[in-house]
Amino acid sequence: MPKTSNCLIFHSGLRTDEKFNVKTVKSAMMKPVKNSSFLSNKETNTIRDNCYPKVVFLGTGSAIPNNYRNVSCILVETRKDHFLMLDCGEGSLDQLLHLYGDAAGQVLINIKAVFISHQHTDHHMGLTSLLLARETAFGKHGLAVENLFIVCTGFQAYLMARYHVQVQSVLQHTVFINSKSLVEGAAQLELEQTKIALTNADNGQTTNGKL
């Protein structure tokens, strides 16, 4: 089995002296990586299918989308049929539908959480469309709708709640997690681990081979 570091299938192919333009980028993206030539199509597909996490960039643009780059959205498949979405700018649902086609419904029902990095609209304006499409996907598959965890700021949660009450019901199967709690929780965990390490050191014990 070849090393995973040699299993990239596509690359940009851009040279530093080349002029950056859309035609050059589109052409370069279709060139196979040279060091993957020893892999058969079957081997390549096997590696791709069994390698996690898988990261799909549905949008990498800034506040204004263009013909080739939508606004921010990254889909991460952490393990088979378990997805996490990082940001959900306007048009993210369309990108997902375009990429996955008939399998998009299966992806939607397996998105477990959405993380909104901050309150700029190009990072969350696609969230309501995603929530509605997710509800529809569960219905088409004859499944009870599972809760979706949304990690965001408290103010973002407030804005979503106002939309839910005054405009359209979209939050009936959602659970909000304040992103601030992740930072506080990480700090608390680090403090507890430090205390344990110091206690072990005082007792002459080791942790992972270190005092």
Protein backbone atom coordinates (compact mmCIF):
# COMPACT_ATOMS: atom_id res chain seq x y z
CA MET A 1 0.00 0.00 0.00
CA PRO A 2 1.56 3.38 -0.99
CA LYS A 3 2.10 6.05 1.62
CA THR A 4 -0.83 8.40 2.14
CA SER A 5 1.45 11.40 1.58
CA ASN A 6 1.70 10.31 -2.08
CA CYS A 7 -2.02 9.97 -2.60
CA LEU A 8 -2.99 13.45 -3.72
CA ILE A 9 -5.04 13.20 -6.88
CA PHE A 10 -5.09 16.82 -8.07
CA HIS A 11 -2.98 19.88 -7.49
CA SER A 12 -2.94 23.47 -8.65
CA GLY A 13 0.02 23.06 -10.98
CA LEU A 14 0.73 26.79 -10.86
CA ARG A 15 4.26 28.11 -11.17
CA THR A 16 5.26 31.23 -9.29
CA ASP A 17 6.13 32.98 -12.56
CA GLU A 18 2.74 32.31 -14.16
CA LYS A 19 0.13 35.03 -14.41
CA PHE A 20 -2.80 34.24 -12.13
CA ASN A 21 -6.02 34.01 -14.14
CA VAL A 22 -9.14 31.88 -14.20
CA LYS A 23 -8.18 29.99 -17.37
CA THR A 24 -4.78 29.02 -15.94
CA VAL A 25 -6.29 27.85 -12.65
CA LYS A 26 -9.04 25.78 -14.27
CA SER A 27 -6.56 24.12 -16.61
CA ALA A 28 -4.04 23.39 -13.87
CA MET A 29 -6.63 21.88 -11.54
CA MET A 30 -7.32 19.12 -14.05
CA LYS A 31 -3.70 17.95 -14.22
CA PRO A 32 -3.00 14.77 -12.23
CA VAL A 33 -0.20 14.85 -9.69
CA LYS A 34 2.94 13.33 -11.18
CA ASN A 35 3.70 11.09 -8.19
CA SER A 36 0.25 9.48 -8.38
CA SER A 37 0.96 7.96 -11.80
CA PHE A 38 1.97 4.63 -10.23
CA LEU A 39 -1.52 4.21 -8.76
CA SER A 40 -4.26 2.49 -10.69
CA ASN A 41 -7.74 4.04 -10.75
CA LYS A 42 -8.95 1.25 -8.47
CA GLU A 43 -6.17 1.90 -5.93
CA THR A 44 -6.78 5.63 -6.06
CA ASN A 45 -10.51 5.23 -5.45
CA THR A 46 -9.88 2.81 -2.56
CA ILE A 47 -7.55 5.26 -0.85
CA ARG A 48 -9.95 8.14 -1.40
CA ASP A 49 -12.95 6.18 -0.11
CA ASN A 50 -11.24 5.02 3.10
CA CYS A 51 -9.34 8.17 4.02
CA TYR A 52 -10.81 10.46 6.69
CA PRO A 53 -11.36 13.25 7.38
CA LYS A 54 -12.41 14.40 3.92
CA VAL A 55 -12.53 18.15 3.39
CA VAL A 56 -14.70 19.65 0.66
CA PHE A 57 -14.49 23.38 -0.06
CA LEU A 58 -17.97 24.51 -1.08
CA GLY A 59 -16.93 28.15 -0.93
CA THR A 60 -13.63 29.95 -0.41
CA GLY A 61 -14.50 33.46 -1.55
CA SER A 62 -14.89 36.68 0.39
CA ALA A 63 -18.01 38.75 1.03
CA ILE A 64 -19.04 38.92 -2.64
CA PRO A 65 -19.38 35.62 -4.56
CA ASN A 66 -18.26 35.40 -8.18
CA ASN A 67 -18.58 32.94 -11.05
CA TYR A 68 -15.86 30.65 -9.75
CA ARG A 69 -15.80 31.03 -5.95
CA ASN A 70 -18.78 31.06 -3.62
CA VAL A 71 -18.63 32.59 -0.15
CA SER A 72 -17.33 30.68 2.87
CA CYS A 73 -18.38 27.07 3.46
CA ILE A 74 -16.31 23.98 4.21
CA LEU A 75 -17.81 20.50 4.54
CA VAL A 76 -15.81 17.99 6.59
CA GLU A 77 -16.64 14.29 6.58
CA THR A 78 -15.07 13.16 9.86
CA ARG A 79 -15.95 9.51 9.24
CA LYS A 80 -18.25 7.73 6.82
CA ASP A 81 -21.59 9.58 6.59
CA HIS A 82 -20.78 11.94 9.48
CA PHE A 83 -20.43 15.56 8.39
CA LEU A 84 -19.48 18.84 10.04
CA MET A 85 -20.00 22.15 8.24
CA LEU A 86 -17.71 25.12 8.89
CA ASP A 87 -19.56 28.32 8.00
CA CYS A 88 -22.55 28.42 5.69
CA GLY A 89 -22.54 31.45 3.44
CA GLU A 90 -25.31 32.27 0.98
CA GLY A 91 -25.45 29.72 -1.82
CA SER A 92 -23.80 26.93 0.19
CA LEU A 93 -26.84 24.68 -0.29
CA ASP A 94 -26.70 25.19 -4.07
CA GLN A 95 -23.02 24.27 -4.06
CA LEU A 96 -23.77 21.11 -2.09
CA LEU A 97 -26.62 20.12 -4.44
CA HIS A 98 -24.46 20.80 -7.49
CA LEU A 99 -21.55 18.72 -6.15
CA TYR A 100 -23.42 15.71 -4.72
CA GLY A 101 -26.43 15.56 -7.03
CA ASP A 102 -28.87 12.81 -6.05
CA ALA A 103 -26.73 11.97 -2.99
CA ALA A 104 -27.13 15.48 -1.55
CA GLY A 105 -30.13 14.45 0.56
CA GLN A 106 -28.06 11.75 2.25
CA VAL A 107 -25.37 14.32 3.02
CA LEU A 108 -27.91 16.76 4.45
CA ILE A 109 -29.38 14.28 6.91
CA ASN A 110 -25.90 13.32 8.08
CA ILE A 111 -24.67 16.83 8.87
CA LYS A 112 -24.34 16.70 12.64
CA ALA A 113 -23.19 20.25 13.39
CA VAL A 114 -22.60 23.63 11.81
CA PHE A 115 -19.89 25.94 13.16
CA ILE A 116 -20.35 29.65 12.39
CA SER A 117 -17.00 31.36 12.86
CA HIS A 118 -18.34 34.92 13.18
CA GLN A 119 -21.32 37.13 12.41
CA HIS A 120 -20.42 38.49 8.97
CA THR A 121 -23.27 37.61 6.63
CA ASP A 122 -21.07 35.81 4.10
CA HIS A 123 -20.47 33.18 6.80
CA HIS A 124 -24.08 32.42 7.82
CA MET A 125 -26.63 33.70 5.30
CA GLY A 126 -27.08 30.21 3.83
CA LEU A 127 -28.01 28.64 7.15
CA THR A 128 -31.79 29.02 6.92
CA SER A 129 -31.88 27.42 3.45
CA LEU A 130 -29.75 24.56 4.73
CA LEU A 131 -32.05 23.97 7.72
CA LEU A 132 -35.17 23.86 5.54
CA ALA A 133 -33.54 21.54 2.99
CA ARG A 134 -32.38 19.27 5.80
CA GLU A 135 -35.93 18.97 7.15
CA THR A 136 -37.17 18.09 3.66
CA ALA A 137 -34.42 15.48 3.21
CA PHE A 138 -35.38 13.70 6.42
CA GLY A 139 -39.00 13.63 5.25
CA LYS A 140 -38.11 12.18 1.85
CA HIS A 141 -36.12 9.43 3.53
CA GLY A 142 -38.99 8.68 5.93
CA LEU A 143 -36.85 9.45 8.99
CA ALA A 144 -37.50 11.41 12.17
CA VAL A 145 -35.56 14.67 12.08
CA GLU A 146 -32.48 14.62 14.30
CA ASN A 147 -31.26 17.70 16.13
CA LEU A 148 -28.57 19.76 14.45
CA PHE A 149 -25.99 21.42 16.68
CA ILE A 150 -25.20 25.01 15.74
CA VAL A 151 -22.07 26.49 17.29
CA CYS A 152 -22.10 30.28 17.12
CA THR A 153 -22.03 33.45 19.19
CA GLY A 154 -24.87 34.28 21.55
CA PHE A 155 -25.89 37.22 19.39
CA GLN A 156 -26.02 35.05 16.28
CA ALA A 157 -28.31 32.64 18.13
CA TYR A 158 -30.50 35.59 19.11
CA LEU A 159 -30.78 36.72 15.48
CA MET A 160 -31.73 33.22 14.39
CA ALA A 161 -34.35 33.02 17.14
CA ARG A 162 -35.87 36.34 16.00
CA TYR A 163 -36.03 35.02 12.43
CA HIS A 164 -37.64 31.80 13.67
CA VAL A 165 -40.36 33.68 15.58
CA GLN A 166 -41.05 36.58 13.23
CA VAL A 167 -40.35 35.23 9.73
CA GLN A 168 -40.23 31.44 9.35
CA SER A 169 -39.89 28.41 11.60
CA VAL A 170 -36.43 26.94 11.07
CA LEU A 171 -35.13 26.06 14.54
CA GLN A 172 -37.51 23.30 15.64
CA HIS A 173 -34.73 20.68 15.42
CA THR A 174 -31.66 22.67 16.42
CA VAL A 175 -29.50 22.98 19.53
CA PHE A 176 -27.37 26.10 19.96
CA ILE A 177 -23.95 25.97 21.56
CA ASN A 178 -22.30 29.26 22.45
CA SER A 179 -18.89 29.29 20.78
CA LYS A 180 -17.51 31.08 23.83
CA SER A 181 -18.12 27.94 25.86
CA LEU A 182 -15.72 26.02 23.63
CA VAL A 183 -12.90 28.42 24.51
CA GLU A 184 -13.76 28.36 28.20
CA GLY A 185 -14.10 24.58 28.16
CA ALA A 186 -10.72 24.15 26.46
CA ALA A 187 -9.09 26.44 29.02
CA GLN A 188 -10.69 24.52 31.89
CA LEU A 189 -9.58 21.18 30.40
CA GLU A 190 -6.02 22.42 30.01
CA LEU A 191 -6.02 23.62 33.63
CA GLU A 192 -7.28 20.24 34.87
CA GLN A 193 -4.69 18.37 32.81
CA THR A 194 -1.94 20.62 34.20
CA LYS A 195 -3.09 19.94 37.76
CA ILE A 196 -3.07 16.18 37.11
CA ALA A 197 0.42 16.37 35.58
CA LEU A 198 1.76 18.35 38.55
CA THR A 199 0.18 15.94 41.02
CA ASN A 200 1.70 12.98 39.20
CA ALA A 201 5.08 14.70 39.14
CA ASP A 202 4.92 15.31 42.90
CA ASN A 203 4.15 11.62 43.38
CA GLY A 204 6.99 10.54 41.11
CA GLN A 205 4.62 9.27 38.43
CA THR A 206 4.87 9.89 34.72
CA THR A 207 2.32 10.85 32.07
CA ASN A 208 2.98 9.67 28.51
CA GLY A 209 6.55 8.94 29.41
CA LYS A 210 7.18 12.39 30.87
CA LEU A 211 7.20 13.75 34.39
